[in-house]
Amino acid sequence: MANPPNNRGSKPQQRNNNAPRGGAGNARGGARPANSAPVKQKKAVEDDGEGEIEMEGVVSAVLAGTMFRVKVASGHEFLAHISGKMRKRFIRLVVGDRVKIEVSPYDMTKARITFRLN
């Protein structure tokens, strides 16, 4: 018995690169389970409604572990840590530097240093 003729011709079949792969599912190519909901995309800018209180103060003491005492004009002192961007950029703070801080409305004794002013 002879082999049946090849209906595709002599050239191998090429795949369309724009065609989706796998099933009709997620980006990895597999099908999503039936009970899972689609993932919601987050907004680019999201306002959480928790208003931090911004103030200006002066570094009065440098403590261990990148913690600082910051004194504001009203006389209050805050225990403050450096924000992530300042850590990333290796911004150094010394006693006497003017800084901008954000105070949480939940704990009025702690703050985050966000900017060095001088």
C-alpha atoms as a PDB file:
ATOM      1  CA  MET A   1       0.000   0.000   0.000  1.00  0.00           C
ATOM      2  CA  ALA A   2       1.356   3.456  -0.936  1.00  0.00           C
ATOM      3  CA  ASN A   3       1.542   6.464   1.353  1.00  0.00           C
ATOM      4  CA  PRO A   4      -1.220   9.074   0.834  1.00  0.00           C
ATOM      5  CA  PRO A   5      -0.075  12.268  -0.907  1.00  0.00           C
ATOM      6  CA  ASN A   6       0.852  15.316   1.211  1.00  0.00           C
ATOM      7  CA  ASN A   7      -1.958  17.879   0.784  1.00  0.00           C
ATOM      8  CA  ARG A   8       0.117  20.742   2.250  1.00  0.00           C
ATOM      9  CA  GLY A   9       2.627  20.907  -0.529  1.00  0.00           C
ATOM     10  CA  SER A  10       6.375  20.730  -0.094  1.00  0.00           C
ATOM     11  CA  LYS A  11       6.604  23.775   2.233  1.00  0.00           C
ATOM     12  CA  PRO A  12       5.953  23.297   5.977  1.00  0.00           C
ATOM     13  CA  GLN A  13       2.977  25.176   7.388  1.00  0.00           C
ATOM     14  CA  GLN A  14       3.861  28.474   9.111  1.00  0.00           C
ATOM     15  CA  ARG A  15       2.125  29.820  12.194  1.00  0.00           C
ATOM     16  CA  ASN A  16       0.491  33.226  12.167  1.00  0.00           C
ATOM     17  CA  ASN A  17       2.416  35.224  14.829  1.00  0.00           C
ATOM     18  CA  ASN A  18      -0.593  37.443  15.573  1.00  0.00           C
ATOM     19  CA  ALA A  19      -2.866  34.532  16.416  1.00  0.00           C
ATOM     20  CA  PRO A  20      -3.478  33.949  20.142  1.00  0.00           C
ATOM     21  CA  ARG A  21      -1.737  30.990  21.720  1.00  0.00           C
ATOM     22  CA  GLY A  22      -3.188  28.509  24.151  1.00  0.00           C
ATOM     23  CA  GLY A  23      -6.792  28.846  25.233  1.00  0.00           C
ATOM     24  CA  ALA A  24      -8.999  31.861  25.628  1.00  0.00           C
ATOM     25  CA  GLY A  25      -7.592  32.723  29.015  1.00  0.00           C
ATOM     26  CA  ASN A  26      -4.936  34.776  30.675  1.00  0.00           C
ATOM     27  CA  ALA A  27      -1.625  36.148  29.405  1.00  0.00           C
ATOM     28  CA  ARG A  28       0.244  32.933  30.167  1.00  0.00           C
ATOM     29  CA  GLY A  29      -1.783  31.049  27.617  1.00  0.00           C
ATOM     30  CA  GLY A  30      -3.838  28.817  29.879  1.00  0.00           C
ATOM     31  CA  ALA A  31      -7.530  29.041  30.535  1.00  0.00           C
ATOM     32  CA  ARG A  32      -8.620  30.862  33.678  1.00  0.00           C
ATOM     33  CA  PRO A  33     -10.508  28.764  36.225  1.00  0.00           C
ATOM     34  CA  ALA A  34     -14.277  29.204  35.971  1.00  0.00           C
ATOM     35  CA  ASN A  35     -14.708  30.498  39.531  1.00  0.00           C
ATOM     36  CA  SER A  36     -12.060  33.256  39.392  1.00  0.00           C
ATOM     37  CA  ALA A  37     -13.067  36.813  38.666  1.00  0.00           C
ATOM     38  CA  PRO A  38     -11.089  38.998  36.265  1.00  0.00           C
ATOM     39  CA  VAL A  39      -8.421  41.122  37.925  1.00  0.00           C
ATOM     40  CA  LYS A  40      -9.304  44.819  38.167  1.00  0.00           C
ATOM     41  CA  GLN A  41      -6.653  47.276  37.017  1.00  0.00           C
ATOM     42  CA  LYS A  42      -5.605  49.982  39.496  1.00  0.00           C
ATOM     43  CA  LYS A  43      -5.793  53.626  38.569  1.00  0.00           C
ATOM     44  CA  ALA A  44      -2.517  55.356  37.741  1.00  0.00           C
ATOM     45  CA  VAL A  45      -3.086  57.941  40.475  1.00  0.00           C
ATOM     46  CA  GLU A  46      -5.157  56.858  43.421  1.00  0.00           C
ATOM     47  CA  ASP A  47      -6.273  59.162  46.223  1.00  0.00           C
ATOM     48  CA  ASP A  48      -6.824  57.180  49.392  1.00  0.00           C
ATOM     49  CA  GLY A  49      -8.496  60.079  51.188  1.00  0.00           C
ATOM     50  CA  GLU A  50      -6.153  59.877  54.187  1.00  0.00           C
ATOM     51  CA  GLY A  51      -4.792  63.393  54.375  1.00  0.00           C
ATOM     52  CA  GLU A  52      -1.316  63.487  55.823  1.00  0.00           C
ATOM     53  CA  ILE A  53      -0.492  66.765  57.501  1.00  0.00           C
ATOM     54  CA  GLU A  54       2.499  68.482  55.891  1.00  0.00           C
ATOM     55  CA  MET A  55       4.741  70.673  58.032  1.00  0.00           C
ATOM     56  CA  GLU A  56       8.187  72.191  57.965  1.00  0.00           C
ATOM     57  CA  GLY A  57      10.652  71.635  60.758  1.00  0.00           C
ATOM     58  CA  VAL A  58      14.297  71.450  61.772  1.00  0.00           C
ATOM     59  CA  VAL A  59      16.233  68.249  62.521  1.00  0.00           C
ATOM     60  CA  SER A  60      17.113  68.489  66.220  1.00  0.00           C
ATOM     61  CA  ALA A  61      18.709  65.052  66.745  1.00  0.00           C
ATOM     62  CA  VAL A  62      20.026  62.190  64.627  1.00  0.00           C
ATOM     63  CA  LEU A  63      19.109  58.795  66.110  1.00  0.00           C
ATOM     64  CA  ALA A  64      20.086  55.234  65.245  1.00  0.00           C
ATOM     65  CA  GLY A  65      18.485  53.430  62.311  1.00  0.00           C
ATOM     66  CA  THR A  66      17.916  56.530  60.135  1.00  0.00           C
ATOM     67  CA  MET A  67      15.504  57.997  62.680  1.00  0.00           C
ATOM     68  CA  PHE A  68      15.450  61.695  63.513  1.00  0.00           C
ATOM     69  CA  ARG A  69      13.878  64.108  65.975  1.00  0.00           C
ATOM     70  CA  VAL A  70      12.261  66.975  64.089  1.00  0.00           C
ATOM     71  CA  LYS A  71      11.117  70.132  65.858  1.00  0.00           C
ATOM     72  CA  VAL A  72       8.416  72.281  64.235  1.00  0.00           C
ATOM     73  CA  ALA A  73       7.710  75.984  64.767  1.00  0.00           C
ATOM     74  CA  SER A  74       4.879  75.302  67.241  1.00  0.00           C
ATOM     75  CA  GLY A  75       7.368  73.595  69.574  1.00  0.00           C
ATOM     76  CA  HIS A  76       6.234  69.996  69.036  1.00  0.00           C
ATOM     77  CA  GLU A  77       8.835  67.302  68.358  1.00  0.00           C
ATOM     78  CA  PHE A  78       8.244  64.316  66.087  1.00  0.00           C
ATOM     79  CA  LEU A  79      10.077  61.022  65.736  1.00  0.00           C
ATOM     80  CA  ALA A  80      10.645  60.868  61.977  1.00  0.00           C
ATOM     81  CA  HIS A  81      12.089  58.444  59.440  1.00  0.00           C
ATOM     82  CA  ILE A  82      13.322  59.106  55.896  1.00  0.00           C
ATOM     83  CA  SER A  83      10.994  58.455  52.966  1.00  0.00           C
ATOM     84  CA  GLY A  84      11.903  55.777  50.426  1.00  0.00           C
ATOM     85  CA  LYS A  85      12.876  58.230  47.690  1.00  0.00           C
ATOM     86  CA  MET A  86      15.342  59.944  50.021  1.00  0.00           C
ATOM     87  CA  ARG A  87      16.852  56.567  50.940  1.00  0.00           C
ATOM     88  CA  LYS A  88      17.117  55.650  47.269  1.00  0.00           C
ATOM     89  CA  ARG A  89      18.887  58.927  46.399  1.00  0.00           C
ATOM     90  CA  PHE A  90      21.190  58.743  49.477  1.00  0.00           C
ATOM     91  CA  ILE A  91      20.067  62.142  50.800  1.00  0.00           C
ATOM     92  CA  ARG A  92      21.959  62.778  54.028  1.00  0.00           C
ATOM     93  CA  LEU A  93      20.515  64.756  56.926  1.00  0.00           C
ATOM     94  CA  VAL A  94      22.390  66.457  59.760  1.00  0.00           C
ATOM     95  CA  VAL A  95      21.313  68.437  62.813  1.00  0.00           C
ATOM     96  CA  GLY A  96      20.050  71.866  61.767  1.00  0.00           C
ATOM     97  CA  ASP A  97      18.682  70.867  58.329  1.00  0.00           C
ATOM     98  CA  ARG A  98      15.259  72.261  57.446  1.00  0.00           C
ATOM     99  CA  VAL A  99      12.964  69.480  56.239  1.00  0.00           C
ATOM    100  CA  LYS A 100       9.407  68.941  55.061  1.00  0.00           C
ATOM    101  CA  ILE A 101       7.561  66.225  56.999  1.00  0.00           C
ATOM    102  CA  GLU A 102       4.255  64.389  56.705  1.00  0.00           C
ATOM    103  CA  VAL A 103       2.455  63.583  59.945  1.00  0.00           C
ATOM    104  CA  SER A 104      -0.103  60.792  60.063  1.00  0.00           C
ATOM    105  CA  PRO A 105      -3.497  61.801  61.453  1.00  0.00           C
ATOM    106  CA  TYR A 106      -3.571  58.481  63.361  1.00  0.00           C
ATOM    107  CA  ASP A 107      -0.346  58.937  65.359  1.00  0.00           C
ATOM    108  CA  MET A 108       0.611  62.554  65.968  1.00  0.00           C
ATOM    109  CA  THR A 109       4.007  61.646  67.443  1.00  0.00           C
ATOM    110  CA  LYS A 110       5.542  60.072  64.340  1.00  0.00           C
ATOM    111  CA  ALA A 111       6.319  61.544  60.928  1.00  0.00           C
ATOM    112  CA  ARG A 112       8.002  60.860  57.591  1.00  0.00           C
ATOM    113  CA  ILE A 113      10.666  63.193  56.184  1.00  0.00           C
ATOM    114  CA  THR A 114       9.863  63.778  52.508  1.00  0.00           C
ATOM    115  CA  PHE A 115      12.106  66.663  51.467  1.00  0.00           C
ATOM    116  CA  ARG A 116      15.314  68.451  52.565  1.00  0.00           C
ATOM    117  CA  LEU A 117      14.830  72.201  52.154  1.00  0.00           C
ATOM    118  CA  ASN A 118      18.355  73.646  52.468  1.00  0.00           C
END
